[in-house]
N, C-alpha and C. Protein backbone atom coordinates (compact mmCIF):
# COMPACT_ATOMS: atom_id res chain seq x y z
N MET A 1 56.44 147.04 93.54
CA MET A 1 57.67 146.29 93.29
C MET A 1 58.81 146.86 94.15
N GLU A 2 59.54 145.98 94.77
CA GLU A 2 60.65 146.39 95.63
C GLU A 2 61.83 146.85 94.79
N SER A 3 62.44 147.94 95.21
CA SER A 3 63.61 148.49 94.53
C SER A 3 64.79 147.52 94.64
N GLN A 4 65.68 147.60 93.67
CA GLN A 4 66.91 146.81 93.71
C GLN A 4 67.99 147.50 94.54
N PHE A 5 67.85 148.82 94.69
CA PHE A 5 68.92 149.59 95.31
C PHE A 5 68.47 150.42 96.50
N LEU A 6 69.40 150.60 97.40
CA LEU A 6 69.27 151.48 98.54
C LEU A 6 70.37 152.53 98.37
N TYR A 7 70.10 153.76 98.80
CA TYR A 7 71.08 154.84 98.71
C TYR A 7 71.51 155.21 100.12
N LEU A 8 72.75 154.90 100.44
CA LEU A 8 73.29 155.07 101.78
C LEU A 8 74.19 156.30 101.83
N THR A 9 73.98 157.13 102.85
CA THR A 9 74.83 158.30 103.07
C THR A 9 75.55 158.14 104.40
N THR A 10 76.87 158.21 104.33
CA THR A 10 77.71 158.14 105.53
C THR A 10 78.52 159.44 105.61
N ILE A 11 79.15 159.66 106.75
CA ILE A 11 80.02 160.81 106.93
C ILE A 11 81.47 160.34 106.80
N GLY A 12 82.22 160.98 105.93
CA GLY A 12 83.60 160.58 105.64
C GLY A 12 84.48 160.52 106.87
N TRP A 13 85.20 159.44 107.03
CA TRP A 13 86.06 159.23 108.19
C TRP A 13 87.27 160.15 108.17
N ARG A 14 87.67 160.63 107.00
CA ARG A 14 88.78 161.58 106.91
C ARG A 14 88.30 163.01 106.69
N THR A 15 87.32 163.16 105.81
CA THR A 15 86.91 164.50 105.37
C THR A 15 85.79 165.11 106.19
N GLY A 16 84.96 164.27 106.81
CA GLY A 16 83.80 164.77 107.53
C GLY A 16 82.66 165.18 106.60
N THR A 17 82.81 164.93 105.31
CA THR A 17 81.76 165.26 104.35
C THR A 17 80.87 164.05 104.08
N GLN A 18 79.69 164.31 103.57
CA GLN A 18 78.75 163.22 103.27
C GLN A 18 79.18 162.48 102.01
N HIS A 19 79.02 161.16 102.07
CA HIS A 19 79.30 160.30 100.92
C HIS A 19 78.09 159.41 100.69
N ARG A 20 77.65 159.34 99.45
CA ARG A 20 76.46 158.56 99.12
C ARG A 20 76.83 157.46 98.13
N ILE A 21 76.32 156.25 98.41
CA ILE A 21 76.53 155.14 97.50
C ILE A 21 75.19 154.50 97.16
N GLU A 22 75.17 153.83 96.03
CA GLU A 22 74.03 153.01 95.61
C GLU A 22 74.45 151.57 95.85
N ILE A 23 73.60 150.79 96.52
CA ILE A 23 74.00 149.44 96.90
C ILE A 23 72.80 148.51 96.97
N TRP A 24 73.03 147.24 96.68
CA TRP A 24 71.98 146.23 96.84
C TRP A 24 71.64 146.09 98.31
N TYR A 25 70.41 145.70 98.59
CA TYR A 25 69.97 145.54 99.98
C TYR A 25 68.90 144.47 100.06
N VAL A 26 68.68 144.00 101.29
CA VAL A 26 67.54 143.13 101.61
C VAL A 26 66.95 143.61 102.93
N THR A 27 65.74 143.20 103.22
CA THR A 27 65.11 143.53 104.49
C THR A 27 64.85 142.25 105.27
N HIS A 28 64.86 142.40 106.60
CA HIS A 28 64.59 141.28 107.50
C HIS A 28 64.24 141.87 108.86
N ASN A 29 63.09 141.50 109.40
CA ASN A 29 62.66 141.98 110.72
C ASN A 29 62.72 143.50 110.85
N GLU A 30 62.20 144.19 109.84
CA GLU A 30 62.10 145.66 109.84
C GLU A 30 63.45 146.37 109.86
N ARG A 31 64.48 145.67 109.43
CA ARG A 31 65.81 146.26 109.30
C ARG A 31 66.30 146.03 107.89
N TYR A 32 67.27 146.80 107.50
CA TYR A 32 67.84 146.71 106.16
C TYR A 32 69.26 146.18 106.26
N TYR A 33 69.65 145.37 105.29
CA TYR A 33 70.98 144.77 105.31
C TYR A 33 71.65 144.98 103.96
N ILE A 34 72.92 145.33 104.02
CA ILE A 34 73.72 145.51 102.83
C ILE A 34 75.02 144.73 103.02
N MET A 35 75.74 144.51 101.93
CA MET A 35 77.00 143.76 102.01
C MET A 35 78.12 144.53 101.35
N SER A 36 79.27 144.49 102.00
CA SER A 36 80.47 145.10 101.45
C SER A 36 81.34 144.03 100.83
N GLU A 37 81.45 144.08 99.52
CA GLU A 37 82.30 143.12 98.81
C GLU A 37 83.76 143.29 99.20
N ARG A 38 84.14 144.51 99.57
CA ARG A 38 85.52 144.80 99.96
C ARG A 38 85.74 144.68 101.47
N GLY A 39 84.73 144.19 102.18
CA GLY A 39 84.85 144.00 103.63
C GLY A 39 85.09 145.31 104.35
N ILE A 40 85.96 145.27 105.35
CA ILE A 40 86.23 146.46 106.16
C ILE A 40 87.04 147.51 105.41
N ASN A 41 87.54 147.18 104.23
CA ASN A 41 88.34 148.12 103.45
C ASN A 41 87.52 149.10 102.63
N ALA A 42 86.22 148.85 102.50
CA ALA A 42 85.37 149.79 101.77
C ALA A 42 85.30 151.10 102.54
N HIS A 43 85.39 152.21 101.84
CA HIS A 43 85.36 153.51 102.51
C HIS A 43 84.09 153.71 103.32
N TRP A 44 82.95 153.27 102.79
CA TRP A 44 81.70 153.47 103.52
C TRP A 44 81.68 152.65 104.80
N VAL A 45 82.34 151.50 104.82
CA VAL A 45 82.42 150.69 106.05
C VAL A 45 83.34 151.40 107.05
N ARG A 46 84.43 151.95 106.59
CA ARG A 46 85.31 152.73 107.47
C ARG A 46 84.55 153.90 108.08
N ASN A 47 83.75 154.54 107.25
CA ASN A 47 82.94 155.66 107.75
C ASN A 47 82.03 155.21 108.89
N ILE A 48 81.36 154.08 108.69
CA ILE A 48 80.44 153.55 109.70
C ILE A 48 81.19 153.15 110.98
N ASN A 49 82.39 152.62 110.83
CA ASN A 49 83.18 152.24 112.01
C ASN A 49 83.46 153.43 112.91
N LEU A 50 83.61 154.60 112.33
CA LEU A 50 83.92 155.79 113.13
C LEU A 50 82.69 156.62 113.47
N ASN A 51 81.62 156.46 112.70
CA ASN A 51 80.39 157.21 112.97
C ASN A 51 79.21 156.37 112.47
N SER A 52 78.51 155.74 113.38
CA SER A 52 77.44 154.81 113.02
C SER A 52 76.15 155.50 112.58
N ARG A 53 76.08 156.83 112.74
CA ARG A 53 74.89 157.57 112.31
C ARG A 53 74.89 157.65 110.78
N ILE A 54 73.80 157.24 110.17
CA ILE A 54 73.71 157.22 108.72
C ILE A 54 72.34 157.74 108.31
N SER A 55 72.19 157.97 107.02
CA SER A 55 70.87 158.18 106.45
C SER A 55 70.81 157.32 105.20
N PHE A 56 69.60 156.95 104.83
CA PHE A 56 69.46 156.16 103.61
C PHE A 56 68.07 156.33 103.05
N SER A 57 67.97 156.06 101.76
CA SER A 57 66.67 156.13 101.10
C SER A 57 66.46 154.86 100.29
N VAL A 58 65.20 154.46 100.27
CA VAL A 58 64.82 153.27 99.52
C VAL A 58 63.34 153.41 99.18
N ASN A 59 63.00 153.10 97.95
CA ASN A 59 61.60 153.16 97.50
C ASN A 59 60.93 154.49 97.85
N SER A 60 61.61 155.59 97.64
CA SER A 60 61.15 156.96 97.89
C SER A 60 60.91 157.30 99.36
N PHE A 61 61.38 156.45 100.27
CA PHE A 61 61.34 156.74 101.70
C PHE A 61 62.75 157.12 102.15
N ASN A 62 62.84 158.12 103.01
CA ASN A 62 64.13 158.58 103.53
C ASN A 62 64.18 158.34 105.04
N TYR A 63 65.29 157.78 105.48
CA TYR A 63 65.45 157.43 106.88
C TYR A 63 66.74 158.00 107.45
N GLU A 64 66.72 158.27 108.74
CA GLU A 64 67.93 158.47 109.51
C GLU A 64 68.04 157.25 110.40
N GLY A 65 69.26 156.82 110.69
CA GLY A 65 69.39 155.63 111.50
C GLY A 65 70.80 155.37 111.97
N GLU A 66 70.98 154.14 112.40
CA GLU A 66 72.26 153.65 112.90
C GLU A 66 72.67 152.44 112.06
N ALA A 67 73.97 152.29 111.89
CA ALA A 67 74.50 151.14 111.16
C ALA A 67 75.46 150.38 112.06
N ARG A 68 75.51 149.08 111.83
CA ARG A 68 76.49 148.28 112.57
C ARG A 68 76.91 147.09 111.72
N ILE A 69 78.14 146.68 111.92
CA ILE A 69 78.68 145.53 111.21
C ILE A 69 78.25 144.27 111.95
N ILE A 70 77.77 143.30 111.21
CA ILE A 70 77.36 142.02 111.79
C ILE A 70 78.59 141.13 111.91
N ASP A 71 78.85 140.65 113.10
CA ASP A 71 79.93 139.70 113.34
C ASP A 71 79.38 138.31 113.02
N SER A 72 79.78 137.77 111.88
CA SER A 72 79.20 136.50 111.42
C SER A 72 79.54 135.32 112.32
N MET A 73 80.58 135.44 113.13
CA MET A 73 80.92 134.37 114.08
C MET A 73 79.99 134.43 115.29
N LYS A 74 79.77 135.62 115.83
CA LYS A 74 78.93 135.77 117.01
C LYS A 74 77.44 135.74 116.68
N GLU A 75 77.09 136.14 115.47
CA GLU A 75 75.68 136.18 115.05
C GLU A 75 75.48 135.32 113.81
N SER A 76 75.93 134.07 113.92
CA SER A 76 75.92 133.18 112.76
C SER A 76 74.52 132.91 112.21
N GLN A 77 73.53 132.82 113.08
CA GLN A 77 72.17 132.56 112.61
C GLN A 77 71.66 133.74 111.77
N LEU A 78 71.84 134.96 112.28
CA LEU A 78 71.42 136.14 111.54
C LEU A 78 72.20 136.26 110.23
N ALA A 79 73.51 136.07 110.29
CA ALA A 79 74.34 136.16 109.09
C ALA A 79 73.90 135.14 108.05
N GLY A 80 73.56 133.95 108.48
CA GLY A 80 73.09 132.92 107.55
C GLY A 80 71.77 133.30 106.91
N GLN A 81 70.86 133.85 107.71
CA GLN A 81 69.57 134.28 107.17
C GLN A 81 69.74 135.39 106.13
N ILE A 82 70.57 136.36 106.44
CA ILE A 82 70.78 137.48 105.52
C ILE A 82 71.45 136.98 104.24
N SER A 83 72.41 136.09 104.37
CA SER A 83 73.07 135.54 103.18
C SER A 83 72.07 134.80 102.29
N GLU A 84 71.17 134.05 102.89
CA GLU A 84 70.15 133.34 102.11
C GLU A 84 69.21 134.31 101.39
N ILE A 85 68.77 135.35 102.10
CA ILE A 85 67.86 136.33 101.50
C ILE A 85 68.56 137.08 100.36
N MET A 86 69.81 137.46 100.59
CA MET A 86 70.58 138.17 99.57
C MET A 86 70.80 137.29 98.35
N ASN A 87 71.09 136.02 98.57
CA ASN A 87 71.31 135.09 97.46
C ASN A 87 70.02 134.88 96.66
N ALA A 88 68.89 134.80 97.36
CA ALA A 88 67.60 134.62 96.67
C ALA A 88 67.25 135.83 95.81
N LYS A 89 67.59 137.02 96.29
CA LYS A 89 67.23 138.25 95.56
C LYS A 89 68.21 138.57 94.43
N TYR A 90 69.50 138.39 94.68
CA TYR A 90 70.53 138.84 93.73
C TYR A 90 71.41 137.72 93.17
N HIS A 91 71.27 136.51 93.69
CA HIS A 91 72.15 135.39 93.32
C HIS A 91 73.61 135.73 93.65
N TRP A 92 73.78 136.41 94.77
CA TRP A 92 75.10 136.82 95.27
C TRP A 92 74.98 137.07 96.76
N ASN A 93 75.99 136.65 97.51
CA ASN A 93 75.97 136.86 98.96
C ASN A 93 77.38 136.82 99.56
N GLU A 94 78.33 137.41 98.87
CA GLU A 94 79.72 137.39 99.30
C GLU A 94 80.11 138.74 99.88
N GLY A 95 80.28 138.81 101.17
CA GLY A 95 80.75 140.07 101.73
C GLY A 95 80.43 140.24 103.20
N LEU A 96 80.89 141.35 103.71
CA LEU A 96 80.67 141.74 105.09
C LEU A 96 79.26 142.31 105.21
N ILE A 97 78.49 141.80 106.15
CA ILE A 97 77.10 142.23 106.30
C ILE A 97 77.03 143.43 107.25
N VAL A 98 76.26 144.43 106.81
CA VAL A 98 76.04 145.63 107.62
C VAL A 98 74.54 145.80 107.81
N GLU A 99 74.14 146.01 109.04
CA GLU A 99 72.74 146.20 109.40
C GLU A 99 72.44 147.69 109.51
N LEU A 100 71.35 148.13 108.89
CA LEU A 100 70.88 149.50 108.98
C LEU A 100 69.57 149.50 109.76
N VAL A 101 69.55 150.25 110.84
CA VAL A 101 68.36 150.33 111.68
C VAL A 101 67.73 151.71 111.49
N PRO A 102 66.55 151.75 110.85
CA PRO A 102 65.90 153.05 110.66
C PRO A 102 65.35 153.56 111.99
N LEU A 103 65.71 154.79 112.35
CA LEU A 103 65.25 155.38 113.60
C LEU A 103 64.20 156.45 113.37
N ARG A 104 64.27 157.11 112.22
CA ARG A 104 63.35 158.19 111.94
C ARG A 104 63.13 158.30 110.43
N LEU A 105 61.86 158.40 110.07
CA LEU A 105 61.47 158.62 108.68
C LEU A 105 61.36 160.12 108.48
N TYR A 106 61.92 160.63 107.40
CA TYR A 106 61.79 162.07 107.13
C TYR A 106 61.46 162.34 105.70
């Protein structure tokens, strides 16, 4: 059974310390996607804007990777697909989409 939550660790944009959040996620084409209900104002999104290196865990797997914000205007097809998948899984799809690319399993 697929987990409902992903645990994302970012590096604080002000403090330089690690910050971990629990968040809903979906997968698509071997990548993970999460949504920020607060858009660019969420602290974890600010962290990613200044340092895209992240780590995350899901279903007892731990990854190091890169994160990037999806521009829904420039990548409307991808944004639409992720919104549909998120809505099917959680009945919610309101927010800024962030893509997590796993680079290394540890």
